Amino acid sequence: MNKKMTALLLSALVLPGLGQLYLGRKMIGGILIVLVNLVLLLALFVLLRGLSPVIAAQIAGGAITITPTEIMGSLEGTSGFGKAVLAAFFILWTCSVADVLTFKGKP
């Protein structure tokens, strides 16, 4: 397997930006990895913020049995922001894969 194919698989399947690091493009790879991690942390923050009232109510009640209906109801207000975070991750992933595909360095 050549170097470009390995980089493509790393960026597409493991972590966006990892393929750039493998190709020696440290600046672009590092920036992509930092941005992807920030987007994932933001997604986790939004998820936990939406679920915190349900979790707090369950803890206060003594029993922790959260139903899927309660989860979906508590996340209803964050669905638009969640879609934006998902779109940002998809854009970063697409840019990472496209960058590896268009790289003109050593194979």
N, C-alpha and C. Protein backbone atom coordinates (compact mmCIF):
# COMPACT_ATOMS: atom_id res chain seq x y z
N MET A 1 0.86 -1.17 0.00
CA MET A 1 0.00 0.00 0.00
C MET A 1 0.90 1.24 0.00
N ASN A 2 0.59 2.17 -0.88
CA ASN A 2 1.44 3.36 -0.94
C ASN A 2 1.11 4.35 0.18
N LYS A 3 1.97 5.33 0.31
CA LYS A 3 1.88 6.28 1.42
C LYS A 3 0.59 7.12 1.35
N LYS A 4 0.19 7.50 0.14
CA LYS A 4 -1.00 8.33 0.00
C LYS A 4 -2.27 7.55 0.38
N MET A 5 -2.33 6.26 0.03
CA MET A 5 -3.49 5.44 0.38
C MET A 5 -3.57 5.24 1.89
N THR A 6 -2.43 5.04 2.53
CA THR A 6 -2.40 4.90 3.99
C THR A 6 -2.87 6.20 4.65
N ALA A 7 -2.41 7.33 4.13
CA ALA A 7 -2.82 8.63 4.67
C ALA A 7 -4.32 8.84 4.49
N LEU A 8 -4.85 8.42 3.34
CA LEU A 8 -6.28 8.55 3.08
C LEU A 8 -7.08 7.71 4.08
N LEU A 9 -6.66 6.51 4.32
CA LEU A 9 -7.36 5.66 5.28
C LEU A 9 -7.28 6.21 6.69
N LEU A 10 -6.13 6.77 7.06
CA LEU A 10 -5.99 7.36 8.39
C LEU A 10 -6.93 8.55 8.57
N SER A 11 -7.00 9.41 7.55
CA SER A 11 -7.86 10.59 7.66
C SER A 11 -9.34 10.24 7.57
N ALA A 12 -9.67 9.24 6.76
CA ALA A 12 -11.08 8.91 6.55
C ALA A 12 -11.65 8.03 7.65
N LEU A 13 -10.85 7.12 8.18
CA LEU A 13 -11.40 6.13 9.11
C LEU A 13 -10.96 6.27 10.56
N VAL A 14 -9.80 6.90 10.80
CA VAL A 14 -9.31 6.98 12.17
C VAL A 14 -9.58 8.36 12.77
N LEU A 15 -8.94 9.39 12.22
CA LEU A 15 -9.09 10.75 12.74
C LEU A 15 -8.75 11.75 11.65
N PRO A 16 -9.66 12.64 11.32
CA PRO A 16 -9.32 13.66 10.32
C PRO A 16 -8.10 14.45 10.76
N GLY A 17 -7.12 14.56 9.87
CA GLY A 17 -5.87 15.25 10.17
C GLY A 17 -4.72 14.30 10.39
N LEU A 18 -5.02 13.06 10.73
CA LEU A 18 -3.96 12.09 10.98
C LEU A 18 -3.23 11.73 9.69
N GLY A 19 -3.94 11.70 8.58
CA GLY A 19 -3.31 11.43 7.29
C GLY A 19 -2.35 12.54 6.89
N GLN A 20 -2.69 13.77 7.21
CA GLN A 20 -1.80 14.89 6.92
C GLN A 20 -0.52 14.77 7.75
N LEU A 21 -0.66 14.38 9.01
CA LEU A 21 0.53 14.16 9.84
C LEU A 21 1.39 13.05 9.27
N TYR A 22 0.77 12.00 8.79
CA TYR A 22 1.50 10.87 8.20
C TYR A 22 2.27 11.30 6.95
N LEU A 23 1.70 12.24 6.19
CA LEU A 23 2.37 12.74 5.00
C LEU A 23 3.42 13.80 5.31
N GLY A 24 3.56 14.17 6.57
CA GLY A 24 4.54 15.16 6.96
C GLY A 24 4.03 16.58 6.96
N ARG A 25 2.76 16.78 6.78
CA ARG A 25 2.15 18.12 6.77
C ARG A 25 1.66 18.42 8.18
N LYS A 26 2.61 18.75 9.05
CA LYS A 26 2.33 18.88 10.47
C LYS A 26 1.37 20.01 10.81
N MET A 27 1.52 21.15 10.15
CA MET A 27 0.68 22.30 10.47
C MET A 27 -0.79 22.03 10.14
N ILE A 28 -1.06 21.56 8.93
CA ILE A 28 -2.45 21.30 8.53
C ILE A 28 -3.03 20.16 9.36
N GLY A 29 -2.25 19.10 9.55
CA GLY A 29 -2.73 17.97 10.35
C GLY A 29 -3.05 18.37 11.77
N GLY A 30 -2.17 19.14 12.38
CA GLY A 30 -2.40 19.59 13.75
C GLY A 30 -3.63 20.48 13.88
N ILE A 31 -3.80 21.38 12.92
CA ILE A 31 -4.97 22.26 12.94
C ILE A 31 -6.25 21.46 12.80
N LEU A 32 -6.27 20.51 11.87
CA LEU A 32 -7.47 19.68 11.68
C LEU A 32 -7.78 18.85 12.93
N ILE A 33 -6.77 18.28 13.54
CA ILE A 33 -6.99 17.47 14.74
C ILE A 33 -7.53 18.34 15.88
N VAL A 34 -6.98 19.52 16.05
CA VAL A 34 -7.47 20.42 17.11
C VAL A 34 -8.92 20.82 16.83
N LEU A 35 -9.23 21.18 15.59
CA LEU A 35 -10.60 21.58 15.25
C LEU A 35 -11.59 20.44 15.43
N VAL A 36 -11.22 19.24 15.03
CA VAL A 36 -12.11 18.08 15.20
C VAL A 36 -12.35 17.82 16.68
N ASN A 37 -11.30 17.90 17.48
CA ASN A 37 -11.48 17.69 18.92
C ASN A 37 -12.34 18.76 19.55
N LEU A 38 -12.20 20.00 19.11
CA LEU A 38 -13.06 21.07 19.63
C LEU A 38 -14.52 20.84 19.27
N VAL A 39 -14.77 20.41 18.04
CA VAL A 39 -16.15 20.13 17.62
C VAL A 39 -16.73 18.97 18.42
N LEU A 40 -15.94 17.92 18.65
CA LEU A 40 -16.43 16.80 19.44
C LEU A 40 -16.68 17.19 20.90
N LEU A 41 -15.81 18.02 21.47
CA LEU A 41 -16.05 18.50 22.83
C LEU A 41 -17.30 19.37 22.90
N LEU A 42 -17.52 20.17 21.89
CA LEU A 42 -18.73 20.99 21.84
C LEU A 42 -19.97 20.12 21.74
N ALA A 43 -19.90 19.06 20.95
CA ALA A 43 -21.03 18.14 20.84
C ALA A 43 -21.31 17.46 22.19
N LEU A 44 -20.26 17.06 22.88
CA LEU A 44 -20.43 16.44 24.20
C LEU A 44 -21.04 17.44 25.19
N PHE A 45 -20.59 18.68 25.15
CA PHE A 45 -21.13 19.72 26.03
C PHE A 45 -22.63 19.93 25.76
N VAL A 46 -23.00 20.02 24.49
CA VAL A 46 -24.41 20.23 24.14
C VAL A 46 -25.25 19.04 24.59
N LEU A 47 -24.74 17.84 24.39
CA LEU A 47 -25.47 16.64 24.80
C LEU A 47 -25.68 16.61 26.31
N LEU A 48 -24.61 16.86 27.06
CA LEU A 48 -24.73 16.82 28.52
C LEU A 48 -25.58 17.96 29.06
N ARG A 49 -25.51 19.12 28.41
CA ARG A 49 -26.34 20.23 28.86
C ARG A 49 -27.82 19.93 28.62
N GLY A 50 -28.12 19.29 27.52
CA GLY A 50 -29.51 18.93 27.24
C GLY A 50 -30.02 17.84 28.18
N LEU A 51 -29.15 16.92 28.53
CA LEU A 51 -29.57 15.80 29.38
C LEU A 51 -29.48 16.09 30.88
N SER A 52 -28.83 17.15 31.28
CA SER A 52 -28.63 17.41 32.71
C SER A 52 -29.92 17.53 33.51
N PRO A 53 -30.99 18.15 33.01
CA PRO A 53 -32.22 18.18 33.83
C PRO A 53 -32.80 16.78 34.07
N VAL A 54 -32.74 15.93 33.07
CA VAL A 54 -33.28 14.57 33.22
C VAL A 54 -32.43 13.78 34.21
N ILE A 55 -31.12 13.89 34.08
CA ILE A 55 -30.22 13.16 34.98
C ILE A 55 -30.39 13.67 36.41
N ALA A 56 -30.49 14.98 36.59
CA ALA A 56 -30.67 15.55 37.93
C ALA A 56 -31.99 15.09 38.55
N ALA A 57 -33.06 15.05 37.76
CA ALA A 57 -34.35 14.60 38.28
C ALA A 57 -34.30 13.13 38.67
N GLN A 58 -33.60 12.34 37.90
CA GLN A 58 -33.49 10.92 38.22
C GLN A 58 -32.68 10.71 39.50
N ILE A 59 -31.61 11.46 39.66
CA ILE A 59 -30.78 11.33 40.87
C ILE A 59 -31.57 11.79 42.09
N ALA A 60 -32.32 12.89 41.94
CA ALA A 60 -33.11 13.39 43.06
C ALA A 60 -34.21 12.41 43.44
N GLY A 61 -34.73 11.69 42.45
CA GLY A 61 -35.80 10.73 42.71
C GLY A 61 -35.29 9.44 43.34
N GLY A 62 -34.01 9.19 43.29
CA GLY A 62 -33.44 8.00 43.91
C GLY A 62 -33.13 6.89 42.93
N ALA A 63 -33.96 6.70 41.94
CA ALA A 63 -33.73 5.62 40.97
C ALA A 63 -33.30 6.24 39.64
N ILE A 64 -32.30 5.63 39.04
CA ILE A 64 -31.81 6.14 37.76
C ILE A 64 -32.27 5.19 36.66
N THR A 65 -33.44 5.48 36.13
CA THR A 65 -33.99 4.72 35.00
C THR A 65 -34.50 5.74 33.99
N ILE A 66 -33.66 6.07 33.05
CA ILE A 66 -34.01 7.07 32.04
C ILE A 66 -34.51 6.36 30.80
N THR A 67 -35.70 6.75 30.36
CA THR A 67 -36.28 6.12 29.17
C THR A 67 -35.85 6.89 27.92
N PRO A 68 -35.87 6.22 26.78
CA PRO A 68 -35.55 6.92 25.53
C PRO A 68 -36.47 8.11 25.26
N THR A 69 -37.70 8.04 25.69
CA THR A 69 -38.62 9.16 25.50
C THR A 69 -38.16 10.38 26.29
N GLU A 70 -37.68 10.17 27.51
CA GLU A 70 -37.16 11.28 28.31
C GLU A 70 -35.91 11.88 27.69
N ILE A 71 -35.06 11.03 27.16
CA ILE A 71 -33.83 11.50 26.51
C ILE A 71 -34.17 12.35 25.30
N MET A 72 -35.05 11.85 24.45
CA MET A 72 -35.42 12.60 23.23
C MET A 72 -36.14 13.90 23.58
N GLY A 73 -36.96 13.87 24.60
CA GLY A 73 -37.66 15.08 25.02
C GLY A 73 -36.71 16.14 25.55
N SER A 74 -35.69 15.72 26.29
CA SER A 74 -34.76 16.70 26.85
C SER A 74 -33.82 17.26 25.78
N LEU A 75 -33.58 16.52 24.73
CA LEU A 75 -32.69 16.99 23.66
C LEU A 75 -33.43 17.74 22.56
N GLU A 76 -34.73 17.85 22.68
CA GLU A 76 -35.55 18.52 21.65
C GLU A 76 -35.11 19.96 21.38
N GLY A 77 -34.77 20.70 22.42
CA GLY A 77 -34.37 22.09 22.25
C GLY A 77 -32.99 22.28 21.66
N THR A 78 -32.17 21.25 21.69
CA THR A 78 -30.80 21.37 21.19
C THR A 78 -30.62 20.75 19.81
N SER A 79 -31.70 20.32 19.17
CA SER A 79 -31.56 19.59 17.91
C SER A 79 -30.97 20.45 16.80
N GLY A 80 -31.32 21.73 16.73
CA GLY A 80 -30.76 22.60 15.69
C GLY A 80 -29.28 22.81 15.87
N PHE A 81 -28.86 23.04 17.10
CA PHE A 81 -27.44 23.23 17.38
C PHE A 81 -26.67 21.93 17.18
N GLY A 82 -27.31 20.82 17.54
CA GLY A 82 -26.68 19.51 17.33
C GLY A 82 -26.45 19.23 15.86
N LYS A 83 -27.40 19.62 15.02
CA LYS A 83 -27.24 19.45 13.58
C LYS A 83 -26.10 20.31 13.05
N ALA A 84 -25.94 21.50 13.60
CA ALA A 84 -24.85 22.39 13.17
C ALA A 84 -23.50 21.81 13.56
N VAL A 85 -23.41 21.23 14.75
CA VAL A 85 -22.16 20.61 15.20
C VAL A 85 -21.84 19.40 14.33
N LEU A 86 -22.85 18.61 14.00
CA LEU A 86 -22.65 17.45 13.12
C LEU A 86 -22.20 17.90 11.73
N ALA A 87 -22.78 18.97 11.23
CA ALA A 87 -22.38 19.51 9.93
C ALA A 87 -20.93 20.00 9.97
N ALA A 88 -20.53 20.64 11.05
CA ALA A 88 -19.15 21.11 11.18
C ALA A 88 -18.17 19.94 11.18
N PHE A 89 -18.52 18.86 11.87
CA PHE A 89 -17.65 17.68 11.87
C PHE A 89 -17.56 17.08 10.47
N PHE A 90 -18.70 17.00 9.79
CA PHE A 90 -18.70 16.43 8.44
C PHE A 90 -17.87 17.28 7.48
N ILE A 91 -17.94 18.60 7.62
CA ILE A 91 -17.15 19.50 6.76
C ILE A 91 -15.66 19.30 7.03
N LEU A 92 -15.27 19.21 8.30
CA LEU A 92 -13.85 18.97 8.64
C LEU A 92 -13.38 17.62 8.10
N TRP A 93 -14.21 16.60 8.22
CA TRP A 93 -13.85 15.28 7.72
C TRP A 93 -13.68 15.31 6.20
N THR A 94 -14.62 15.96 5.51
CA THR A 94 -14.55 16.05 4.05
C THR A 94 -13.32 16.83 3.61
N CYS A 95 -13.02 17.93 4.27
CA CYS A 95 -11.82 18.71 3.93
C CYS A 95 -10.55 17.91 4.14
N SER A 96 -10.51 17.12 5.20
CA SER A 96 -9.33 16.31 5.49
C SER A 96 -9.12 15.26 4.40
N VAL A 97 -10.18 14.58 4.01
CA VAL A 97 -10.08 13.55 2.98
C VAL A 97 -9.74 14.18 1.63
N ALA A 98 -10.38 15.30 1.30
CA ALA A 98 -10.10 15.97 0.03
C ALA A 98 -8.68 16.48 -0.02
N ASP A 99 -8.17 16.96 1.10
CA ASP A 99 -6.79 17.45 1.14
C ASP A 99 -5.80 16.32 0.86
N VAL A 100 -6.04 15.15 1.43
CA VAL A 100 -5.15 14.03 1.18
C VAL A 100 -5.25 13.60 -0.28
N LEU A 101 -6.46 13.58 -0.84
CA LEU A 101 -6.64 13.17 -2.22
C LEU A 101 -5.96 14.10 -3.21
N THR A 102 -5.92 15.40 -2.89
CA THR A 102 -5.32 16.37 -3.81
C THR A 102 -3.86 16.66 -3.51
N PHE A 103 -3.28 15.97 -2.54
CA PHE A 103 -1.88 16.20 -2.16
C PHE A 103 -0.97 15.76 -3.30
N LYS A 104 -0.05 16.62 -3.70
CA LYS A 104 0.84 16.36 -4.85
C LYS A 104 2.27 16.02 -4.42
N GLY A 105 2.47 15.65 -3.19
CA GLY A 105 3.82 15.34 -2.71
C GLY A 105 4.25 13.94 -3.12
N LYS A 106 5.20 13.39 -2.40
CA LYS A 106 5.70 12.05 -2.68
C LYS A 106 4.63 11.00 -2.40
N PRO A 107 4.47 10.02 -3.28
CA PRO A 107 3.46 8.96 -3.05
C PRO A 107 3.86 8.01 -1.95
